[in-house]
Amino acid sequence: MRLTHAAALLLAAAFLSSPSEAAKPSRACIDAHAEGQVERDAGRLLRASERFRACAVEACPAVIRKECTDLGATLEAQTPSLVVKAEDTRGQAIPGARASIDAGRELPKLDGTAISLDPGVHQIDVSLPDGRRQTVHLSLSYGEKARPAIARFEAPKPLEPKAAAGGNALAYIIGGAGIIGLGAWGAFAYDGRRRQGDLETCAPRCSDRSEVDAMRRSYLIADVLLGLSAAALGTSAYLLITNTGEEEGVRERAVLLGARGRF
């Protein structure tokens, strides 16, 4: 029926035009005119627009060209569109966001441009530079223009320095053991010095070998405790320094992520 209508238009053009002009119109104009109406009635408005543009060119007869132009203008008003946005929870645009529509049409940047689509449900996949993604499903109606398709992202949660906190606790425990060891070292060193003083006082009359052994044992234990305490305190200081550095790094990353989430 549509093809017959297009043929009638072409016949009218032949009567209104000179013989040479009547020979110019091609079958392509009639086909484009008919196909555009088929696509329009099927809801494929974007394809229909392409077909109507194809029969609105200078090579087509004036009558067909005018009707295709009018049909294209009507279709333009009926074709819905949307604007893809990536926002944070405060409604601020997120720089660097990109999107794809229906897993095929890529939007390398979201600059507020209205995207024309066919009526119906569409899937919009939005991704951020930090890897976060979100999918939005939207149903467009005939004539709906620049409808916002908003993907809203919450700010990323700051990284908690759990490992650093655990490391600091261990550092405090080891440091406490080192301090206790120093106290014990002082006690044994004092006992050894006392015994040595007693032996020096009674010399050369002292003959009890056990007193000499007790003095040496106190000094030996004191030396061991001093070495262990020094090692413990050194380890504690190392853990505190390294964990503080890691904690600062975690804070910096958390601040950067927070800033990127706030935009």
C-alpha atoms as a PDB file:
ATOM      1  CA  MET A   1       0.000   0.000   0.000  1.00  0.00           C
ATOM      2  CA  ARG A   2       2.845   2.347   0.946  1.00  0.00           C
ATOM      3  CA  LEU A   3       4.734   1.357  -2.165  1.00  0.00           C
ATOM      4  CA  THR A   4       1.676   2.175  -4.268  1.00  0.00           C
ATOM      5  CA  HIS A   5       1.458   5.571  -2.597  1.00  0.00           C
ATOM      6  CA  ALA A   6       5.108   6.244  -3.403  1.00  0.00           C
ATOM      7  CA  ALA A   7       4.576   5.146  -6.999  1.00  0.00           C
ATOM      8  CA  ALA A   8       1.637   7.544  -7.247  1.00  0.00           C
ATOM      9  CA  LEU A   9       3.878  10.349  -6.017  1.00  0.00           C
ATOM     10  CA  LEU A  10       6.466   9.436  -8.602  1.00  0.00           C
ATOM     11  CA  LEU A  11       3.800   9.403 -11.330  1.00  0.00           C
ATOM     12  CA  ALA A  12       2.644  12.851 -10.228  1.00  0.00           C
ATOM     13  CA  ALA A  13       6.209  14.028 -10.376  1.00  0.00           C
ATOM     14  CA  ALA A  14       6.464  12.745 -13.918  1.00  0.00           C
ATOM     15  CA  PHE A  15       3.452  14.813 -14.967  1.00  0.00           C
ATOM     16  CA  LEU A  16       4.728  17.934 -13.239  1.00  0.00           C
ATOM     17  CA  SER A  17       8.246  17.583 -14.571  1.00  0.00           C
ATOM     18  CA  SER A  18       9.812  17.612 -18.001  1.00  0.00           C
ATOM     19  CA  PRO A  19      10.448  14.269 -19.752  1.00  0.00           C
ATOM     20  CA  SER A  20      14.158  14.521 -18.991  1.00  0.00           C
ATOM     21  CA  GLU A  21      13.465  15.150 -15.309  1.00  0.00           C
ATOM     22  CA  ALA A  22      10.960  12.296 -15.172  1.00  0.00           C
ATOM     23  CA  ALA A  23      13.652   9.857 -16.290  1.00  0.00           C
ATOM     24  CA  LYS A  24      15.980  10.808 -13.427  1.00  0.00           C
ATOM     25  CA  PRO A  25      14.089   9.472 -10.368  1.00  0.00           C
ATOM     26  CA  SER A  26      15.434   6.117  -9.349  1.00  0.00           C
ATOM     27  CA  ARG A  27      13.790   3.152  -7.756  1.00  0.00           C
ATOM     28  CA  ALA A  28      15.896   3.934  -4.655  1.00  0.00           C
ATOM     29  CA  CYS A  29      13.722   6.958  -3.843  1.00  0.00           C
ATOM     30  CA  ILE A  30      10.542   4.876  -3.884  1.00  0.00           C
ATOM     31  CA  ASP A  31      12.166   2.121  -1.816  1.00  0.00           C
ATOM     32  CA  ALA A  32      13.537   4.557   0.770  1.00  0.00           C
ATOM     33  CA  HIS A  33      10.126   6.225   1.087  1.00  0.00           C
ATOM     34  CA  ALA A  34       8.371   2.884   1.661  1.00  0.00           C
ATOM     35  CA  GLU A  35      11.052   1.415   3.941  1.00  0.00           C
ATOM     36  CA  GLY A  36      11.065   4.510   6.122  1.00  0.00           C
ATOM     37  CA  GLN A  37       7.370   4.083   6.859  1.00  0.00           C
ATOM     38  CA  VAL A  38       7.815   0.390   7.622  1.00  0.00           C
ATOM     39  CA  GLU A  39      10.628   1.132  10.100  1.00  0.00           C
ATOM     40  CA  ARG A  40       8.623   3.959  11.670  1.00  0.00           C
ATOM     41  CA  ASP A  41       5.585   1.760  12.226  1.00  0.00           C
ATOM     42  CA  ALA A  42       7.804  -0.921  13.799  1.00  0.00           C
ATOM     43  CA  GLY A  43       9.131   1.593  16.340  1.00  0.00           C
ATOM     44  CA  ARG A  44      12.602   1.729  14.801  1.00  0.00           C
ATOM     45  CA  LEU A  45      12.633   5.492  14.491  1.00  0.00           C
ATOM     46  CA  LEU A  46      16.375   5.900  13.997  1.00  0.00           C
ATOM     47  CA  ARG A  47      16.380   3.601  10.976  1.00  0.00           C
ATOM     48  CA  ALA A  48      13.251   5.287   9.662  1.00  0.00           C
ATOM     49  CA  SER A  49      14.988   8.677   9.881  1.00  0.00           C
ATOM     50  CA  GLU A  50      17.868   7.333   7.811  1.00  0.00           C
ATOM     51  CA  ARG A  51      15.502   6.117   5.106  1.00  0.00           C
ATOM     52  CA  PHE A  52      13.592   9.406   4.982  1.00  0.00           C
ATOM     53  CA  ARG A  53      16.862  11.319   4.660  1.00  0.00           C
ATOM     54  CA  ALA A  54      17.778   9.040   1.759  1.00  0.00           C
ATOM     55  CA  CYS A  55      14.646  10.028  -0.192  1.00  0.00           C
ATOM     56  CA  ALA A  56      14.886  13.726   0.696  1.00  0.00           C
ATOM     57  CA  VAL A  57      17.963  14.319  -1.466  1.00  0.00           C
ATOM     58  CA  GLU A  58      18.082  16.384  -4.644  1.00  0.00           C
ATOM     59  CA  ALA A  59      18.266  13.296  -6.846  1.00  0.00           C
ATOM     60  CA  CYS A  60      14.695  12.325  -5.894  1.00  0.00           C
ATOM     61  CA  PRO A  61      11.604  13.915  -7.477  1.00  0.00           C
ATOM     62  CA  ALA A  62      10.383  17.072  -5.807  1.00  0.00           C
ATOM     63  CA  VAL A  63       7.081  15.504  -4.710  1.00  0.00           C
ATOM     64  CA  ILE A  64       8.773  12.514  -3.011  1.00  0.00           C
ATOM     65  CA  ARG A  65      11.509  14.724  -1.644  1.00  0.00           C
ATOM     66  CA  LYS A  66       8.983  17.018   0.015  1.00  0.00           C
ATOM     67  CA  GLU A  67       7.010  14.166   1.562  1.00  0.00           C
ATOM     68  CA  CYS A  68      10.179  12.507   2.876  1.00  0.00           C
ATOM     69  CA  THR A  69      11.308  15.818   4.323  1.00  0.00           C
ATOM     70  CA  ASP A  70       7.945  16.294   6.064  1.00  0.00           C
ATOM     71  CA  LEU A  71       7.920  12.714   7.353  1.00  0.00           C
ATOM     72  CA  GLY A  72      11.481  13.135   8.623  1.00  0.00           C
ATOM     73  CA  ALA A  73      10.568  16.320  10.498  1.00  0.00           C
ATOM     74  CA  THR A  74       7.567  14.623  12.125  1.00  0.00           C
ATOM     75  CA  LEU A  75       9.737  11.678  13.050  1.00  0.00           C
ATOM     76  CA  GLU A  76      12.357  13.975  14.574  1.00  0.00           C
ATOM     77  CA  ALA A  77       9.739  15.318  16.964  1.00  0.00           C
ATOM     78  CA  GLN A  78       8.679  11.782  17.903  1.00  0.00           C
ATOM     79  CA  THR A  79      12.181  10.386  18.470  1.00  0.00           C
ATOM     80  CA  PRO A  80      13.041  10.348  22.208  1.00  0.00           C
ATOM     81  CA  SER A  81      16.466  11.159  23.609  1.00  0.00           C
ATOM     82  CA  LEU A  82      18.344  10.911  26.885  1.00  0.00           C
ATOM     83  CA  VAL A  83      21.315  12.545  28.589  1.00  0.00           C
ATOM     84  CA  VAL A  84      23.661  10.206  30.480  1.00  0.00           C
ATOM     85  CA  LYS A  85      25.105  11.588  33.716  1.00  0.00           C
ATOM     86  CA  ALA A  86      27.464  10.283  36.399  1.00  0.00           C
ATOM     87  CA  GLU A  87      27.034  12.079  39.708  1.00  0.00           C
ATOM     88  CA  ASP A  88      28.086  11.759  43.323  1.00  0.00           C
ATOM     89  CA  THR A  89      25.614  11.799  46.210  1.00  0.00           C
ATOM     90  CA  ARG A  90      25.653  15.610  46.232  1.00  0.00           C
ATOM     91  CA  GLY A  91      24.614  15.806  42.588  1.00  0.00           C
ATOM     92  CA  GLN A  92      28.030  16.892  41.336  1.00  0.00           C
ATOM     93  CA  ALA A  93      29.215  15.560  37.970  1.00  0.00           C
ATOM     94  CA  ILE A  94      32.049  13.039  38.125  1.00  0.00           C
ATOM     95  CA  PRO A  95      34.857  13.861  35.662  1.00  0.00           C
ATOM     96  CA  GLY A  96      36.218  11.156  33.397  1.00  0.00           C
ATOM     97  CA  ALA A  97      33.064   9.024  33.388  1.00  0.00           C
ATOM     98  CA  ARG A  98      32.140   7.098  30.251  1.00  0.00           C
ATOM     99  CA  ALA A  99      29.169   4.962  29.220  1.00  0.00           C
ATOM    100  CA  SER A 100      27.790   2.506  26.716  1.00  0.00           C
ATOM    101  CA  ILE A 101      24.156   2.197  25.625  1.00  0.00           C
ATOM    102  CA  ASP A 102      22.634  -1.223  24.950  1.00  0.00           C
ATOM    103  CA  ALA A 103      26.127  -2.773  25.009  1.00  0.00           C
ATOM    104  CA  GLY A 104      26.942  -1.245  21.646  1.00  0.00           C
ATOM    105  CA  ARG A 105      26.896   2.528  21.460  1.00  0.00           C
ATOM    106  CA  GLU A 106      29.931   3.964  23.229  1.00  0.00           C
ATOM    107  CA  LEU A 107      30.031   7.379  24.900  1.00  0.00           C
ATOM    108  CA  PRO A 108      33.712   8.147  25.630  1.00  0.00           C
ATOM    109  CA  LYS A 109      32.702  11.206  27.639  1.00  0.00           C
ATOM    110  CA  LEU A 110      29.532  12.470  29.282  1.00  0.00           C
ATOM    111  CA  ASP A 111      29.258  16.105  28.217  1.00  0.00           C
ATOM    112  CA  GLY A 112      25.492  16.607  28.478  1.00  0.00           C
ATOM    113  CA  THR A 113      24.765  15.808  24.824  1.00  0.00           C
ATOM    114  CA  ALA A 114      21.276  14.393  24.220  1.00  0.00           C
ATOM    115  CA  ILE A 115      21.435  10.945  22.589  1.00  0.00           C
ATOM    116  CA  SER A 116      18.549  10.041  20.261  1.00  0.00           C
ATOM    117  CA  LEU A 117      17.209   6.502  20.698  1.00  0.00           C
ATOM    118  CA  ASP A 118      14.239   4.390  19.702  1.00  0.00           C
ATOM    119  CA  PRO A 119      11.306   4.236  22.135  1.00  0.00           C
ATOM    120  CA  GLY A 120      11.476   1.395  24.657  1.00  0.00           C
ATOM    121  CA  VAL A 121      13.750   0.090  27.410  1.00  0.00           C
ATOM    122  CA  HIS A 122      17.486   0.793  27.198  1.00  0.00           C
ATOM    123  CA  GLN A 123      20.461  -0.309  29.264  1.00  0.00           C
ATOM    124  CA  ILE A 124      23.082   2.283  30.140  1.00  0.00           C
ATOM    125  CA  ASP A 125      26.383   1.078  31.623  1.00  0.00           C
ATOM    126  CA  VAL A 126      28.397   3.853  33.299  1.00  0.00           C
ATOM    127  CA  SER A 127      32.009   3.407  34.404  1.00  0.00           C
ATOM    128  CA  LEU A 128      34.385   5.665  36.341  1.00  0.00           C
ATOM    129  CA  PRO A 129      38.172   6.032  36.012  1.00  0.00           C
ATOM    130  CA  ASP A 130      38.678   4.237  39.357  1.00  0.00           C
ATOM    131  CA  GLY A 131      36.893   1.124  38.048  1.00  0.00           C
ATOM    132  CA  ARG A 132      33.509   1.554  39.711  1.00  0.00           C
ATOM    133  CA  ARG A 133      30.548   0.681  37.479  1.00  0.00           C
ATOM    134  CA  GLN A 134      26.793   1.056  37.542  1.00  0.00           C
ATOM    135  CA  THR A 135      23.970  -0.022  35.224  1.00  0.00           C
ATOM    136  CA  VAL A 136      20.831   2.055  34.668  1.00  0.00           C
ATOM    137  CA  HIS A 137      17.702   0.783  32.888  1.00  0.00           C
ATOM    138  CA  LEU A 138      15.423   3.399  31.383  1.00  0.00           C
ATOM    139  CA  SER A 139      12.214   3.270  29.337  1.00  0.00           C
ATOM    140  CA  LEU A 140      11.777   6.037  26.770  1.00  0.00           C
ATOM    141  CA  SER A 141       8.426   7.127  25.350  1.00  0.00           C
ATOM    142  CA  TYR A 142       7.642   8.735  22.005  1.00  0.00           C
ATOM    143  CA  GLY A 143       8.545  12.430  21.984  1.00  0.00           C
ATOM    144  CA  GLU A 144      10.417  12.302  25.327  1.00  0.00           C
ATOM    145  CA  LYS A 145      13.395  14.622  24.968  1.00  0.00           C
ATOM    146  CA  ALA A 146      16.688  14.825  26.930  1.00  0.00           C
ATOM    147  CA  ARG A 147      15.511  12.561  29.725  1.00  0.00           C
ATOM    148  CA  PRO A 148      18.253  12.304  32.397  1.00  0.00           C
ATOM    149  CA  ALA A 149      19.787   8.861  32.853  1.00  0.00           C
ATOM    150  CA  ILE A 150      21.703   9.330  36.105  1.00  0.00           C
ATOM    151  CA  ALA A 151      24.178   6.871  37.609  1.00  0.00           C
ATOM    152  CA  ARG A 152      24.795   8.034  41.185  1.00  0.00           C
ATOM    153  CA  PHE A 153      27.938   6.855  42.961  1.00  0.00           C
ATOM    154  CA  GLU A 154      28.696   7.031  46.666  1.00  0.00           C
ATOM    155  CA  ALA A 155      32.153   8.143  47.757  1.00  0.00           C
ATOM    156  CA  PRO A 156      34.469   5.143  48.244  1.00  0.00           C
ATOM    157  CA  LYS A 157      34.980   4.168  51.878  1.00  0.00           C
ATOM    158  CA  PRO A 158      38.405   5.144  53.290  1.00  0.00           C
ATOM    159  CA  LEU A 159      40.777   2.250  53.754  1.00  0.00           C
ATOM    160  CA  GLU A 160      41.110   1.351  57.436  1.00  0.00           C
ATOM    161  CA  PRO A 161      44.688   0.861  58.640  1.00  0.00           C
ATOM    162  CA  LYS A 162      43.944  -2.469  60.320  1.00  0.00           C
ATOM    163  CA  ALA A 163      47.325  -3.969  59.597  1.00  0.00           C
ATOM    164  CA  ALA A 164      49.083  -0.906  60.925  1.00  0.00           C
ATOM    165  CA  ALA A 165      47.026  -0.965  64.113  1.00  0.00           C
ATOM    166  CA  GLY A 166      47.928  -4.625  64.682  1.00  0.00           C
ATOM    167  CA  GLY A 167      51.585  -3.883  64.015  1.00  0.00           C
ATOM    168  CA  ASN A 168      51.564  -1.035  66.521  1.00  0.00           C
ATOM    169  CA  ALA A 169      50.036  -3.268  69.194  1.00  0.00           C
ATOM    170  CA  LEU A 170      52.799  -5.824  68.647  1.00  0.00           C
ATOM    171  CA  ALA A 171      55.396  -3.062  68.820  1.00  0.00           C
ATOM    172  CA  TYR A 172      54.032  -1.921  72.176  1.00  0.00           C
ATOM    173  CA  ILE A 173      54.049  -5.466  73.547  1.00  0.00           C
ATOM    174  CA  ILE A 174      57.641  -6.072  72.462  1.00  0.00           C
ATOM    175  CA  GLY A 175      58.677  -2.662  73.782  1.00  0.00           C
ATOM    176  CA  GLY A 176      57.023  -3.386  77.109  1.00  0.00           C
ATOM    177  CA  ALA A 177      58.899  -6.668  77.336  1.00  0.00           C
ATOM    178  CA  GLY A 178      62.122  -4.790  76.608  1.00  0.00           C
ATOM    179  CA  ILE A 179      61.466  -2.312  79.415  1.00  0.00           C
ATOM    180  CA  ILE A 180      60.702  -5.149  81.850  1.00  0.00           C
ATOM    181  CA  GLY A 181      63.915  -6.832  80.744  1.00  0.00           C
ATOM    182  CA  LEU A 182      65.847  -3.656  81.517  1.00  0.00           C
ATOM    183  CA  GLY A 183      64.378  -3.651  84.996  1.00  0.00           C
ATOM    184  CA  ALA A 184      65.417  -7.277  85.531  1.00  0.00           C
ATOM    185  CA  TRP A 185      68.861  -6.493  84.111  1.00  0.00           C
ATOM    186  CA  GLY A 186      69.268  -3.757  86.701  1.00  0.00           C
ATOM    187  CA  ALA A 187      68.311  -6.120  89.513  1.00  0.00           C
ATOM    188  CA  PHE A 188      70.760  -8.868  88.488  1.00  0.00           C
ATOM    189  CA  ALA A 189      73.526  -6.366  87.749  1.00  0.00           C
ATOM    190  CA  TYR A 190      73.033  -4.878  91.212  1.00  0.00           C
ATOM    191  CA  ASP A 191      73.096  -8.358  92.803  1.00  0.00           C
ATOM    192  CA  GLY A 192      76.303  -9.243  90.967  1.00  0.00           C
ATOM    193  CA  ARG A 193      77.932  -5.962  92.000  1.00  0.00           C
ATOM    194  CA  ARG A 194      76.885  -6.527  95.609  1.00  0.00           C
ATOM    195  CA  ARG A 195      78.358 -10.019  95.667  1.00  0.00           C
ATOM    196  CA  GLN A 196      81.531  -8.748  94.062  1.00  0.00           C
ATOM    197  CA  GLY A 197      81.796  -6.103  96.785  1.00  0.00           C
ATOM    198  CA  ASP A 198      81.394  -8.720  99.499  1.00  0.00           C
ATOM    199  CA  LEU A 199      84.138 -10.847  97.949  1.00  0.00           C
ATOM    200  CA  GLU A 200      86.488  -7.881  97.675  1.00  0.00           C
ATOM    201  CA  THR A 201      85.854  -7.039 101.324  1.00  0.00           C
ATOM    202  CA  CYS A 202      86.686 -10.494 102.617  1.00  0.00           C
ATOM    203  CA  ALA A 203      89.618 -11.112 100.254  1.00  0.00           C
ATOM    204  CA  PRO A 204      91.981 -12.881 100.599  1.00  0.00           C
ATOM    205  CA  ARG A 205      90.187 -14.792 103.388  1.00  0.00           C
ATOM    206  CA  CYS A 206      87.243 -15.830 101.183  1.00  0.00           C
ATOM    207  CA  SER A 207      87.322 -19.503 100.409  1.00  0.00           C
ATOM    208  CA  ASP A 208      83.661 -20.232  99.521  1.00  0.00           C
ATOM    209  CA  ARG A 209      83.649 -20.914  95.759  1.00  0.00           C
ATOM    210  CA  SER A 210      79.833 -20.780  95.640  1.00  0.00           C
ATOM    211  CA  GLU A 211      79.875 -17.026  96.299  1.00  0.00           C
ATOM    212  CA  VAL A 212      82.102 -16.503  93.276  1.00  0.00           C
ATOM    213  CA  ASP A 213      79.832 -18.644  91.132  1.00  0.00           C
ATOM    214  CA  ALA A 214      76.744 -16.742  92.349  1.00  0.00           C
ATOM    215  CA  MET A 215      78.371 -13.422  91.410  1.00  0.00           C
ATOM    216  CA  ARG A 216      79.292 -14.658  87.950  1.00  0.00           C
ATOM    217  CA  ARG A 217      75.779 -16.092  87.434  1.00  0.00           C
ATOM    218  CA  SER A 218      74.185 -12.739  88.322  1.00  0.00           C
ATOM    219  CA  TYR A 219      76.488 -10.927  85.900  1.00  0.00           C
ATOM    220  CA  LEU A 220      75.799 -13.487  83.142  1.00  0.00           C
ATOM    221  CA  ILE A 221      72.025 -13.215  83.568  1.00  0.00           C
ATOM    222  CA  ALA A 222      72.313  -9.426  83.582  1.00  0.00           C
ATOM    223  CA  ASP A 223      74.291  -9.495  80.302  1.00  0.00           C
ATOM    224  CA  VAL A 224      71.722 -11.777  78.642  1.00  0.00           C
ATOM    225  CA  LEU A 225      68.828  -9.623  79.836  1.00  0.00           C
ATOM    226  CA  LEU A 226      70.573  -6.480  78.585  1.00  0.00           C
ATOM    227  CA  GLY A 227      71.029  -8.000  75.118  1.00  0.00           C
ATOM    228  CA  LEU A 228      67.445  -9.236  74.948  1.00  0.00           C
ATOM    229  CA  SER A 229      66.087  -5.886  76.147  1.00  0.00           C
ATOM    230  CA  ALA A 230      68.128  -3.979  73.580  1.00  0.00           C
ATOM    231  CA  ALA A 231      66.890  -6.300  70.808  1.00  0.00           C
ATOM    232  CA  ALA A 232      63.276  -5.967  71.971  1.00  0.00           C
ATOM    233  CA  LEU A 233      63.420  -2.180  72.152  1.00  0.00           C
ATOM    234  CA  GLY A 234      65.085  -2.002  68.737  1.00  0.00           C
ATOM    235  CA  THR A 235      62.425  -4.248  67.212  1.00  0.00           C
ATOM    236  CA  SER A 236      59.676  -2.191  68.825  1.00  0.00           C
ATOM    237  CA  ALA A 237      61.112   1.047  67.434  1.00  0.00           C
ATOM    238  CA  TYR A 238      61.398  -0.490  63.942  1.00  0.00           C
ATOM    239  CA  LEU A 239      57.768  -1.674  63.988  1.00  0.00           C
ATOM    240  CA  LEU A 240      56.533   1.706  65.152  1.00  0.00           C
ATOM    241  CA  ILE A 241      58.468   3.552  62.430  1.00  0.00           C
ATOM    242  CA  THR A 242      57.441   1.235  59.577  1.00  0.00           C
ATOM    243  CA  ASN A 243      53.803   1.010  60.680  1.00  0.00           C
ATOM    244  CA  THR A 244      53.612   4.777  60.976  1.00  0.00           C
ATOM    245  CA  GLY A 245      54.830   5.023  57.370  1.00  0.00           C
ATOM    246  CA  GLU A 246      52.237   2.477  56.213  1.00  0.00           C
ATOM    247  CA  GLU A 247      49.535   4.295  58.125  1.00  0.00           C
ATOM    248  CA  GLU A 248      50.444   7.569  56.440  1.00  0.00           C
ATOM    249  CA  GLY A 249      50.318   5.818  53.067  1.00  0.00           C
ATOM    250  CA  VAL A 250      46.878   4.405  53.860  1.00  0.00           C
ATOM    251  CA  ARG A 251      45.675   7.838  54.946  1.00  0.00           C
ATOM    252  CA  GLU A 252      46.976   9.402  51.738  1.00  0.00           C
ATOM    253  CA  ARG A 253      45.239   6.775  49.610  1.00  0.00           C
ATOM    254  CA  ALA A 254      42.049   7.217  51.615  1.00  0.00           C
ATOM    255  CA  VAL A 255      42.199  10.991  51.141  1.00  0.00           C
ATOM    256  CA  LEU A 256      42.766  10.587  47.397  1.00  0.00           C
ATOM    257  CA  LEU A 257      39.887   8.134  47.052  1.00  0.00           C
ATOM    258  CA  GLY A 258      37.660  10.338  49.167  1.00  0.00           C
ATOM    259  CA  ALA A 259      38.505  13.360  47.050  1.00  0.00           C
ATOM    260  CA  ARG A 260      37.786  11.424  43.848  1.00  0.00           C
ATOM    261  CA  GLY A 261      34.475  10.311  45.325  1.00  0.00           C
ATOM    262  CA  ARG A 262      33.496  13.863  46.271  1.00  0.00           C
ATOM    263  CA  PHE A 263      34.660  15.600  43.089  1.00  0.00           C
END
